[in-house]
Amino acid sequence: MSKHTPGPWTTKRGDHGGYSVESNGRLTYPASKAICTVRPYPRTAEAHGEAEATARLIAAAPDLLKALLTIAKIASEGRESDIDIESIARAAIAKAEDRS
């Protein structure tokens, strides 16, 4: 499996009426920061809200993956940890829900 586009990822409202998910890291493909675009369909206020929430969830993917990897490592070791796994998980969730 290849590695994903480096994070952090952010969302940006585009001129096209949708939302772009962009990487602030270096991409392997030139001339673009966009990872994907989420467009509302149909073009209603409800669809726009859903498109924005979807873009936020996609943008939080690297943080969610990092949180899960950390939690899985600690759980597999079966020991107490100095790492505050609840804070890591809650920070990733907050980004996905636009509460960060």
N, C-alpha and C. Protein backbone atom coordinates (compact mmCIF):
# COMPACT_ATOMS: atom_id res chain seq x y z
N MET A 1 0.84 -1.18 0.00
CA MET A 1 0.00 0.00 0.00
C MET A 1 0.89 1.24 0.00
N SER A 2 0.56 2.21 -0.82
CA SER A 2 1.35 3.43 -0.88
C SER A 2 0.92 4.37 0.23
N LYS A 3 1.78 5.31 0.55
CA LYS A 3 1.46 6.29 1.60
C LYS A 3 0.48 7.32 1.07
N HIS A 4 -0.26 7.88 1.99
CA HIS A 4 -1.22 8.91 1.61
C HIS A 4 -0.51 10.25 1.46
N THR A 5 -1.21 11.19 0.86
CA THR A 5 -0.69 12.55 0.70
C THR A 5 -0.40 13.12 2.08
N PRO A 6 0.75 13.75 2.26
CA PRO A 6 1.10 14.25 3.59
C PRO A 6 0.13 15.33 4.08
N GLY A 7 -0.09 15.36 5.37
CA GLY A 7 -0.94 16.36 5.99
C GLY A 7 -0.12 17.53 6.46
N PRO A 8 -0.71 18.47 7.10
CA PRO A 8 -2.13 18.50 7.44
C PRO A 8 -2.98 18.83 6.23
N TRP A 9 -4.23 18.38 6.27
CA TRP A 9 -5.19 18.68 5.22
C TRP A 9 -6.17 19.73 5.75
N THR A 10 -6.61 20.59 4.86
CA THR A 10 -7.55 21.64 5.23
C THR A 10 -8.67 21.70 4.19
N THR A 11 -9.76 22.38 4.54
CA THR A 11 -10.83 22.58 3.57
C THR A 11 -10.86 24.05 3.17
N LYS A 12 -11.32 24.26 1.96
CA LYS A 12 -11.40 25.61 1.42
C LYS A 12 -12.64 25.68 0.52
N ARG A 13 -13.44 26.70 0.71
CA ARG A 13 -14.59 26.87 -0.17
C ARG A 13 -14.09 27.37 -1.52
N GLY A 14 -14.48 26.69 -2.58
CA GLY A 14 -14.00 27.03 -3.90
C GLY A 14 -14.96 27.91 -4.68
N ASP A 15 -14.44 28.49 -5.74
CA ASP A 15 -15.24 29.33 -6.62
C ASP A 15 -16.30 28.50 -7.36
N HIS A 16 -16.08 27.21 -7.44
CA HIS A 16 -16.96 26.31 -8.18
C HIS A 16 -18.22 25.95 -7.40
N GLY A 17 -18.37 26.49 -6.19
CA GLY A 17 -19.55 26.21 -5.39
C GLY A 17 -19.40 25.01 -4.49
N GLY A 18 -18.25 24.37 -4.53
CA GLY A 18 -18.00 23.21 -3.68
C GLY A 18 -16.88 23.51 -2.69
N TYR A 19 -16.29 22.45 -2.17
CA TYR A 19 -15.23 22.57 -1.17
C TYR A 19 -14.04 21.73 -1.62
N SER A 20 -12.87 22.31 -1.52
CA SER A 20 -11.65 21.58 -1.84
C SER A 20 -11.01 21.09 -0.55
N VAL A 21 -10.44 19.91 -0.60
CA VAL A 21 -9.61 19.40 0.48
C VAL A 21 -8.19 19.53 -0.04
N GLU A 22 -7.37 20.28 0.69
CA GLU A 22 -6.02 20.58 0.23
C GLU A 22 -4.98 20.11 1.23
N SER A 23 -3.80 19.81 0.70
CA SER A 23 -2.67 19.43 1.53
C SER A 23 -1.73 20.61 1.67
N ASN A 24 -1.29 20.85 2.89
CA ASN A 24 -0.27 21.87 3.12
C ASN A 24 1.12 21.27 3.00
N GLY A 25 1.18 19.96 2.86
CA GLY A 25 2.45 19.26 2.68
C GLY A 25 2.83 19.21 1.22
N ARG A 26 3.96 18.61 0.93
CA ARG A 26 4.42 18.51 -0.45
C ARG A 26 3.71 17.35 -1.16
N LEU A 27 3.13 17.63 -2.29
CA LEU A 27 2.43 16.60 -3.06
C LEU A 27 3.37 15.97 -4.08
N THR A 28 3.08 14.74 -4.45
CA THR A 28 3.90 14.08 -5.46
C THR A 28 3.50 14.49 -6.86
N TYR A 29 2.30 15.04 -7.01
CA TYR A 29 1.89 15.50 -8.33
C TYR A 29 2.00 17.03 -8.34
N PRO A 30 2.49 17.59 -9.43
CA PRO A 30 2.79 19.02 -9.47
C PRO A 30 1.56 19.91 -9.66
N ALA A 31 1.75 21.17 -9.34
CA ALA A 31 0.83 22.27 -9.69
C ALA A 31 -0.53 22.22 -9.01
N SER A 32 -0.63 21.51 -7.91
CA SER A 32 -1.92 21.46 -7.24
C SER A 32 -1.73 21.17 -5.77
N LYS A 33 -2.58 21.75 -4.96
CA LYS A 33 -2.62 21.42 -3.54
C LYS A 33 -3.87 20.61 -3.24
N ALA A 34 -4.78 20.52 -4.22
CA ALA A 34 -6.06 19.86 -3.99
C ALA A 34 -5.93 18.34 -3.98
N ILE A 35 -6.50 17.74 -2.97
CA ILE A 35 -6.58 16.28 -2.88
C ILE A 35 -7.87 15.83 -3.54
N CYS A 36 -8.95 16.54 -3.25
CA CYS A 36 -10.24 16.23 -3.87
C CYS A 36 -11.16 17.44 -3.75
N THR A 37 -12.25 17.39 -4.48
CA THR A 37 -13.26 18.42 -4.43
C THR A 37 -14.60 17.76 -4.14
N VAL A 38 -15.36 18.36 -3.23
CA VAL A 38 -16.69 17.86 -2.89
C VAL A 38 -17.68 18.93 -3.34
N ARG A 39 -18.56 18.56 -4.26
CA ARG A 39 -19.53 19.51 -4.79
C ARG A 39 -20.93 19.15 -4.32
N PRO A 40 -21.71 20.15 -3.94
CA PRO A 40 -23.08 19.86 -3.50
C PRO A 40 -23.98 19.53 -4.69
N TYR A 41 -24.83 18.54 -4.50
CA TYR A 41 -25.82 18.22 -5.52
C TYR A 41 -27.05 17.68 -4.83
N PRO A 42 -28.19 18.22 -5.07
CA PRO A 42 -28.46 19.41 -5.87
C PRO A 42 -27.94 20.64 -5.15
N ARG A 43 -27.94 21.75 -5.81
CA ARG A 43 -27.39 22.98 -5.23
C ARG A 43 -28.40 23.63 -4.28
N THR A 44 -28.54 23.03 -3.12
CA THR A 44 -29.43 23.55 -2.08
C THR A 44 -28.59 23.85 -0.85
N ALA A 45 -29.16 24.59 0.07
CA ALA A 45 -28.45 24.92 1.31
C ALA A 45 -28.12 23.64 2.08
N GLU A 46 -29.04 22.70 2.10
CA GLU A 46 -28.80 21.43 2.80
C GLU A 46 -27.65 20.66 2.16
N ALA A 47 -27.63 20.62 0.83
CA ALA A 47 -26.56 19.91 0.13
C ALA A 47 -25.21 20.60 0.35
N HIS A 48 -25.21 21.94 0.41
CA HIS A 48 -23.97 22.67 0.68
C HIS A 48 -23.43 22.32 2.07
N GLY A 49 -24.33 22.26 3.06
CA GLY A 49 -23.91 21.89 4.41
C GLY A 49 -23.35 20.49 4.46
N GLU A 50 -23.97 19.58 3.75
CA GLU A 50 -23.49 18.20 3.70
C GLU A 50 -22.14 18.12 3.00
N ALA A 51 -21.97 18.87 1.91
CA ALA A 51 -20.69 18.86 1.18
C ALA A 51 -19.57 19.41 2.07
N GLU A 52 -19.88 20.48 2.81
CA GLU A 52 -18.87 21.05 3.71
C GLU A 52 -18.48 20.06 4.81
N ALA A 53 -19.46 19.39 5.40
CA ALA A 53 -19.19 18.41 6.45
C ALA A 53 -18.38 17.23 5.90
N THR A 54 -18.69 16.81 4.69
CA THR A 54 -17.95 15.72 4.06
C THR A 54 -16.50 16.12 3.82
N ALA A 55 -16.29 17.34 3.33
CA ALA A 55 -14.93 17.83 3.09
C ALA A 55 -14.15 17.90 4.40
N ARG A 56 -14.79 18.34 5.49
CA ARG A 56 -14.12 18.39 6.79
C ARG A 56 -13.71 17.00 7.25
N LEU A 57 -14.60 16.03 7.07
CA LEU A 57 -14.30 14.66 7.47
C LEU A 57 -13.12 14.11 6.67
N ILE A 58 -13.10 14.37 5.37
CA ILE A 58 -11.97 13.92 4.54
C ILE A 58 -10.69 14.61 5.00
N ALA A 59 -10.76 15.91 5.28
CA ALA A 59 -9.57 16.66 5.71
C ALA A 59 -9.03 16.15 7.04
N ALA A 60 -9.88 15.59 7.88
CA ALA A 60 -9.45 15.07 9.18
C ALA A 60 -8.85 13.67 9.08
N ALA A 61 -8.90 13.04 7.92
CA ALA A 61 -8.44 11.66 7.77
C ALA A 61 -7.02 11.42 8.29
N PRO A 62 -6.02 12.26 7.97
CA PRO A 62 -4.68 12.00 8.52
C PRO A 62 -4.65 12.04 10.05
N ASP A 63 -5.39 12.97 10.65
CA ASP A 63 -5.43 13.07 12.11
C ASP A 63 -6.14 11.86 12.72
N LEU A 64 -7.23 11.43 12.10
CA LEU A 64 -7.95 10.27 12.59
C LEU A 64 -7.10 9.01 12.48
N LEU A 65 -6.37 8.87 11.37
CA LEU A 65 -5.49 7.71 11.20
C LEU A 65 -4.39 7.72 12.26
N LYS A 66 -3.78 8.87 12.49
CA LYS A 66 -2.72 8.98 13.50
C LYS A 66 -3.26 8.61 14.88
N ALA A 67 -4.45 9.10 15.21
CA ALA A 67 -5.05 8.78 16.51
C ALA A 67 -5.29 7.28 16.65
N LEU A 68 -5.85 6.67 15.62
CA LEU A 68 -6.12 5.24 15.68
C LEU A 68 -4.85 4.41 15.76
N LEU A 69 -3.82 4.80 15.02
CA LEU A 69 -2.55 4.08 15.09
C LEU A 69 -1.94 4.16 16.49
N THR A 70 -2.02 5.33 17.10
CA THR A 70 -1.50 5.51 18.45
C THR A 70 -2.28 4.66 19.45
N ILE A 71 -3.60 4.71 19.35
CA ILE A 71 -4.45 3.94 20.26
C ILE A 71 -4.21 2.44 20.07
N ALA A 72 -4.11 1.98 18.83
CA ALA A 72 -3.88 0.56 18.55
C ALA A 72 -2.53 0.10 19.11
N LYS A 73 -1.51 0.94 18.97
CA LYS A 73 -0.18 0.58 19.48
C LYS A 73 -0.20 0.42 20.99
N ILE A 74 -0.82 1.38 21.67
CA ILE A 74 -0.90 1.31 23.13
C ILE A 74 -1.71 0.09 23.56
N ALA A 75 -2.82 -0.17 22.88
CA ALA A 75 -3.66 -1.32 23.23
C ALA A 75 -2.93 -2.64 23.00
N SER A 76 -2.16 -2.72 21.91
CA SER A 76 -1.45 -3.98 21.60
C SER A 76 -0.34 -4.26 22.60
N GLU A 77 0.21 -3.20 23.18
CA GLU A 77 1.28 -3.39 24.16
C GLU A 77 0.70 -3.78 25.52
N GLY A 78 -0.60 -3.58 25.70
CA GLY A 78 -1.26 -3.99 26.93
C GLY A 78 -0.69 -3.34 28.18
N ARG A 79 -0.35 -2.08 28.07
CA ARG A 79 0.26 -1.40 29.22
C ARG A 79 -0.30 0.01 29.35
N GLU A 80 -0.04 0.59 30.49
CA GLU A 80 -0.36 2.00 30.70
C GLU A 80 0.59 2.82 29.86
N SER A 81 0.18 4.01 29.50
CA SER A 81 1.01 4.85 28.66
C SER A 81 1.01 6.28 29.18
N ASP A 82 2.11 6.97 28.91
CA ASP A 82 2.21 8.39 29.25
C ASP A 82 1.44 9.23 28.23
N ILE A 83 1.07 8.62 27.12
CA ILE A 83 0.37 9.33 26.06
C ILE A 83 -1.10 9.45 26.43
N ASP A 84 -1.65 10.64 26.31
CA ASP A 84 -3.06 10.88 26.63
C ASP A 84 -3.88 10.53 25.39
N ILE A 85 -4.28 9.26 25.28
CA ILE A 85 -4.98 8.80 24.08
C ILE A 85 -6.35 9.44 23.93
N GLU A 86 -6.99 9.77 25.04
CA GLU A 86 -8.30 10.42 24.94
C GLU A 86 -8.15 11.78 24.27
N SER A 87 -7.13 12.55 24.63
CA SER A 87 -6.91 13.87 24.02
C SER A 87 -6.60 13.75 22.53
N ILE A 88 -5.80 12.75 22.16
CA ILE A 88 -5.47 12.54 20.75
C ILE A 88 -6.74 12.24 19.96
N ALA A 89 -7.56 11.34 20.49
CA ALA A 89 -8.79 10.96 19.81
C ALA A 89 -9.76 12.14 19.72
N ARG A 90 -9.93 12.85 20.82
CA ARG A 90 -10.88 13.97 20.83
C ARG A 90 -10.44 15.10 19.91
N ALA A 91 -9.13 15.35 19.79
CA ALA A 91 -8.63 16.39 18.88
C ALA A 91 -8.93 16.02 17.43
N ALA A 92 -8.75 14.76 17.07
CA ALA A 92 -9.03 14.31 15.70
C ALA A 92 -10.54 14.41 15.40
N ILE A 93 -11.34 14.01 16.37
CA ILE A 93 -12.80 14.10 16.20
C ILE A 93 -13.24 15.55 16.07
N ALA A 94 -12.67 16.43 16.87
CA ALA A 94 -13.03 17.85 16.82
C ALA A 94 -12.71 18.44 15.45
N LYS A 95 -11.58 18.03 14.86
CA LYS A 95 -11.25 18.53 13.52
C LYS A 95 -12.28 18.04 12.51
N ALA A 96 -12.67 16.78 12.61
CA ALA A 96 -13.65 16.23 11.67
C ALA A 96 -15.00 16.91 11.81
N GLU A 97 -15.31 17.35 13.03
CA GLU A 97 -16.60 18.01 13.28
C GLU A 97 -16.49 19.53 13.27
N ASP A 98 -15.36 20.06 12.86
CA ASP A 98 -15.11 21.50 12.77
C ASP A 98 -15.27 22.20 14.12
N ARG A 99 -14.74 21.57 15.16
CA ARG A 99 -14.75 22.16 16.49
C ARG A 99 -13.34 22.42 16.99
N SER A 100 -12.35 22.35 16.11
CA SER A 100 -10.96 22.52 16.55
C SER A 100 -10.55 23.96 16.61
